[in-house]
């Protein structure tokens, strides 16, 4: 069993190095980060600063080359890929700038199909999907195809898909990058509602408006975390 730990995420000295030809390129260097349960954190910084690499490590999509990473008390950097995939599939949700929806499937199908490879039965997955769709305010669009929805509605479907399995951590990579300012505000308000329900949210962004909605902001530059700020 993992050791008792109040933090959802603890990173100590995390590094990630990529090989480029004969040269090692450090995308992350000495990252120390603690994220409390129920926190709303923004990771800010310019393009190429290491934000997305950090997000991939947080979401167990990539394994660090240095340091220790504890997720819900588990030393996930040391676990097998199978175990990491199981944790990622059940405990982490992802929202991206591109919506990645199936265009010829309904809103309901896009959400419930995300749990196709879990042990949950079809009837229960559909019920969970309906609940998630209502939570994001799209119950009246449940049978619509993504191609008939606005950009903001499509992002809400993507968010419903990300939270349908009730993860403990929601990771968002530039989630408002394809949206206008009014629609962005409504999506950010939805994140605040989800955080109120107890979800831990991490948003990667270079947009100050997005950062302003978070409880706390950490700044990345050249693969390092800088001064921590409070939004």
Protein backbone atom coordinates (compact mmCIF):
# COMPACT_ATOMS: atom_id res chain seq x y z
CA UNK A 1 0.00 0.00 0.00
CA UNK A 2 1.20 3.57 -0.66
CA UNK A 3 2.25 5.64 2.34
CA UNK A 4 -0.32 8.05 3.83
CA UNK A 5 -0.08 11.37 2.03
CA UNK A 6 -2.38 14.38 2.03
CA UNK A 7 -1.08 15.64 -1.32
CA UNK A 8 -2.43 14.27 -4.58
CA UNK A 9 0.87 14.92 -6.38
CA UNK A 10 4.41 15.22 -5.09
CA UNK A 11 7.34 15.68 -7.46
CA UNK A 12 10.92 15.84 -6.24
CA UNK A 13 13.79 16.76 -8.57
CA UNK A 14 11.95 15.68 -11.71
CA UNK A 15 13.97 15.80 -14.92
CA UNK A 16 13.15 14.75 -18.47
CA UNK A 17 15.88 14.50 -21.08
CA UNK A 18 15.36 13.73 -24.77
CA UNK A 19 17.97 12.51 -27.21
CA UNK A 20 18.37 14.72 -30.30
CA UNK A 21 21.00 13.22 -32.56
CA UNK A 22 24.15 12.99 -30.46
CA UNK A 23 22.95 15.60 -27.97
CA UNK A 24 20.83 15.23 -24.83
CA UNK A 25 18.24 18.01 -24.51
CA UNK A 26 16.80 18.73 -21.05
CA UNK A 27 13.08 19.50 -21.29
CA UNK A 28 12.63 19.47 -17.49
CA UNK A 29 15.27 20.11 -14.84
CA UNK A 30 14.93 19.76 -11.06
CA UNK A 31 11.16 20.22 -10.90
CA UNK A 32 9.72 20.17 -7.37
CA UNK A 33 5.94 20.39 -7.26
CA UNK A 34 3.27 19.56 -4.70
CA UNK A 35 -0.41 19.66 -5.63
CA UNK A 36 -3.02 19.35 -2.90
CA UNK A 37 -6.27 17.48 -3.37
CA UNK A 38 -8.97 19.81 -4.67
CA UNK A 39 -6.48 22.45 -5.81
CA UNK A 40 -6.83 24.43 -9.05
CA UNK A 41 -3.32 25.03 -10.40
CA UNK A 42 -2.15 26.85 -13.52
CA UNK A 43 1.22 26.13 -15.12
CA UNK A 44 2.14 29.23 -17.11
CA UNK A 45 4.98 30.01 -19.46
CA UNK A 46 5.90 30.66 -23.10
CA UNK A 47 5.98 28.04 -25.84
CA UNK A 48 8.93 25.70 -25.45
CA UNK A 49 9.25 26.29 -21.69
CA UNK A 50 8.47 22.66 -20.79
CA UNK A 51 4.80 23.05 -19.82
CA UNK A 52 3.48 20.26 -22.02
CA UNK A 53 6.33 17.93 -21.06
CA UNK A 54 5.48 18.47 -17.41
CA UNK A 55 1.81 17.81 -18.15
CA UNK A 56 2.72 14.53 -19.87
CA UNK A 57 4.77 13.45 -16.86
CA UNK A 58 1.96 14.45 -14.49
CA UNK A 59 -0.52 12.42 -16.55
CA UNK A 60 1.72 9.33 -16.71
CA UNK A 61 1.98 9.66 -20.48
CA UNK A 62 5.74 10.07 -20.13
CA UNK A 63 8.23 8.77 -17.59
CA UNK A 64 10.80 11.13 -16.02
CA UNK A 65 14.49 10.38 -16.48
CA UNK A 66 15.34 11.79 -13.02
CA UNK A 67 13.61 12.38 -9.71
CA UNK A 68 10.68 10.93 -7.82
CA UNK A 69 6.97 11.27 -8.56
CA UNK A 70 4.26 10.23 -6.10
CA UNK A 71 0.65 10.18 -7.27
CA UNK A 72 -1.87 9.48 -4.51
CA UNK A 73 1.11 8.12 -2.59
CA UNK A 74 2.21 5.71 -5.33
CA UNK A 75 5.81 6.03 -6.65
CA UNK A 76 4.51 6.06 -10.22
CA UNK A 77 7.86 6.76 -11.90
CA UNK A 78 8.96 3.32 -10.72
CA UNK A 79 5.86 1.32 -11.66
CA UNK A 80 5.47 -0.92 -14.71
CA UNK A 81 3.84 0.54 -17.82
CA UNK A 82 0.82 -1.70 -17.27
CA UNK A 83 0.32 -0.40 -13.74
CA UNK A 84 0.89 3.21 -14.86
CA UNK A 85 -1.69 2.76 -17.64
CA UNK A 86 -4.22 1.41 -15.14
CA UNK A 87 -3.74 4.43 -12.86
CA UNK A 88 -3.87 6.83 -15.80
CA UNK A 89 -7.07 5.28 -17.15
CA UNK A 90 -8.93 5.35 -13.85
CA UNK A 91 -7.52 8.37 -11.99
CA UNK A 92 -6.56 10.98 -14.62
CA UNK A 93 -8.70 12.89 -17.14
CA UNK A 94 -7.35 14.89 -20.08
CA UNK A 95 -8.68 17.94 -21.94
CA UNK A 96 -6.77 19.33 -24.92
CA UNK A 97 -6.92 22.37 -27.17
CA UNK A 98 -8.18 20.16 -30.01
CA UNK A 99 -11.39 18.44 -28.98
CA UNK A 100 -10.59 14.97 -30.43
CA UNK A 101 -14.26 14.00 -30.72
CA UNK A 102 -15.66 11.30 -33.00
CA UNK A 103 -17.55 13.38 -35.61
CA UNK A 104 -20.08 10.72 -36.61
CA UNK A 105 -20.99 9.71 -33.06
CA UNK A 106 -23.48 11.50 -30.81
CA UNK A 107 -22.50 13.47 -27.72
CA UNK A 108 -23.64 10.55 -25.59
CA UNK A 109 -21.63 8.03 -27.59
CA UNK A 110 -18.50 10.19 -27.50
CA UNK A 111 -18.66 10.23 -23.72
CA UNK A 112 -19.65 6.66 -22.89
CA UNK A 113 -17.32 5.10 -25.48
CA UNK A 114 -14.36 6.56 -23.59
CA UNK A 115 -14.87 3.81 -21.01
CA UNK A 116 -15.05 1.01 -23.55
CA UNK A 117 -11.93 -0.74 -22.25
CA UNK A 118 -12.82 -0.54 -18.57
CA UNK A 119 -14.50 -3.27 -16.56
CA UNK A 120 -17.67 -1.19 -16.26
CA UNK A 121 -20.72 -2.61 -18.04
CA UNK A 122 -22.37 -0.77 -20.94
CA UNK A 123 -25.54 0.16 -19.03
CA UNK A 124 -23.52 1.71 -16.21
CA UNK A 125 -21.20 3.54 -18.65
CA UNK A 126 -24.20 5.08 -20.41
CA UNK A 127 -25.70 6.20 -17.08
CA UNK A 128 -22.36 7.73 -16.04
CA UNK A 129 -22.09 9.47 -19.41
CA UNK A 130 -25.57 10.96 -19.08
CA UNK A 131 -24.66 12.27 -15.62
CA UNK A 132 -21.41 13.82 -16.90
CA UNK A 133 -23.17 15.45 -19.85
CA UNK A 134 -25.75 16.99 -17.53
CA UNK A 135 -22.94 18.23 -15.28
CA UNK A 136 -21.38 20.21 -18.14
CA UNK A 137 -24.76 21.65 -19.14
CA UNK A 138 -25.34 19.74 -22.37
CA UNK A 139 -28.27 17.51 -21.51
CA UNK A 140 -30.26 19.18 -24.30
CA UNK A 141 -27.56 18.25 -26.84
CA UNK A 142 -27.11 14.63 -25.82
CA UNK A 143 -28.13 13.16 -29.21
CA UNK A 144 -26.39 15.80 -31.34
CA UNK A 145 -23.28 15.12 -33.44
CA UNK A 146 -20.14 17.19 -32.67
CA UNK A 147 -20.26 18.75 -36.14
CA UNK A 148 -23.52 20.51 -35.19
CA UNK A 149 -22.13 22.00 -31.98
CA UNK A 150 -20.31 25.25 -31.28
CA UNK A 151 -16.66 25.23 -30.24
CA UNK A 152 -17.57 25.81 -26.62
CA UNK A 153 -20.10 22.97 -26.66
CA UNK A 154 -17.56 20.62 -28.21
CA UNK A 155 -15.08 21.47 -25.48
CA UNK A 156 -17.76 20.77 -22.88
CA UNK A 157 -18.28 17.34 -24.46
CA UNK A 158 -14.52 16.77 -24.20
CA UNK A 159 -14.65 17.77 -20.54
CA UNK A 160 -17.59 15.43 -19.90
CA UNK A 161 -15.59 12.63 -21.52
CA UNK A 162 -12.60 13.45 -19.30
CA UNK A 163 -14.57 13.41 -16.02
CA UNK A 164 -17.05 10.60 -16.71
CA UNK A 165 -14.90 8.07 -14.86
CA UNK A 166 -14.66 10.40 -11.83
CA UNK A 167 -10.86 10.88 -11.93
CA UNK A 168 -9.00 12.54 -9.08
CA UNK A 169 -6.92 14.74 -11.43
CA UNK A 170 -7.99 16.69 -14.53
CA UNK A 171 -5.15 17.86 -16.80
CA UNK A 172 -5.93 20.57 -19.36
CA UNK A 173 -3.49 21.62 -22.11
CA UNK A 174 -4.43 25.07 -23.50
CA UNK A 175 -8.15 24.15 -23.19
CA UNK A 176 -9.40 27.54 -24.42
CA UNK A 177 -6.90 27.95 -27.27
CA UNK A 178 -9.55 27.39 -29.97
CA UNK A 179 -12.29 29.43 -28.29
CA UNK A 180 -13.34 33.08 -28.32
CA UNK A 181 -13.15 35.08 -25.10
CA UNK A 182 -16.82 34.73 -24.14
CA UNK A 183 -16.83 30.98 -24.71
CA UNK A 184 -13.49 30.67 -22.89
CA UNK A 185 -15.00 32.34 -19.83
CA UNK A 186 -17.87 29.84 -19.73
CA UNK A 187 -15.44 26.90 -19.95
CA UNK A 188 -13.28 28.36 -17.17
CA UNK A 189 -16.38 28.80 -15.01
CA UNK A 190 -17.14 25.12 -15.59
CA UNK A 191 -13.65 24.22 -14.32
CA UNK A 192 -14.35 26.22 -11.16
CA UNK A 193 -17.62 24.32 -10.67
CA UNK A 194 -15.81 20.99 -11.08
CA UNK A 195 -13.16 22.04 -8.58
CA UNK A 196 -15.95 22.91 -6.12
CA UNK A 197 -17.07 19.28 -6.47
CA UNK A 198 -13.61 18.20 -5.25
CA UNK A 199 -11.77 17.61 -8.54
CA UNK A 200 -8.10 18.60 -8.67
CA UNK A 201 -7.40 20.62 -11.83
CA UNK A 202 -4.12 21.51 -13.53
CA UNK A 203 -4.26 23.84 -16.54
CA UNK A 204 -1.27 24.46 -18.80
CA UNK A 205 -1.50 27.85 -20.50
CA UNK A 206 0.34 30.89 -21.80
CA UNK A 207 -2.84 32.98 -21.40
CA UNK A 208 -2.94 35.30 -18.37
CA UNK A 209 -6.75 35.26 -18.38
CA UNK A 210 -6.75 31.51 -17.92
CA UNK A 211 -4.13 31.70 -15.15
CA UNK A 212 -6.21 34.28 -13.28
CA UNK A 213 -8.94 31.69 -12.63
CA UNK A 214 -6.60 29.34 -10.75
CA UNK A 215 -5.91 29.26 -7.01
CA UNK A 216 -2.17 29.15 -7.64
CA UNK A 217 0.15 29.74 -10.57
CA UNK A 218 3.58 28.24 -11.17
CA UNK A 219 5.76 29.66 -13.93
CA UNK A 220 7.96 27.61 -16.23
CA UNK A 221 11.01 28.82 -18.12
CA UNK A 222 13.63 26.67 -19.82
CA UNK A 223 12.30 23.52 -18.17
CA UNK A 224 12.41 24.88 -14.62
CA UNK A 225 9.65 25.94 -12.26
CA UNK A 226 10.00 29.53 -11.16
CA UNK A 227 8.41 31.56 -8.40
CA UNK A 228 5.01 30.39 -7.25
CA UNK A 229 2.25 32.98 -7.43
CA UNK A 230 -1.30 33.17 -6.15
CA UNK A 231 -3.91 34.12 -8.72
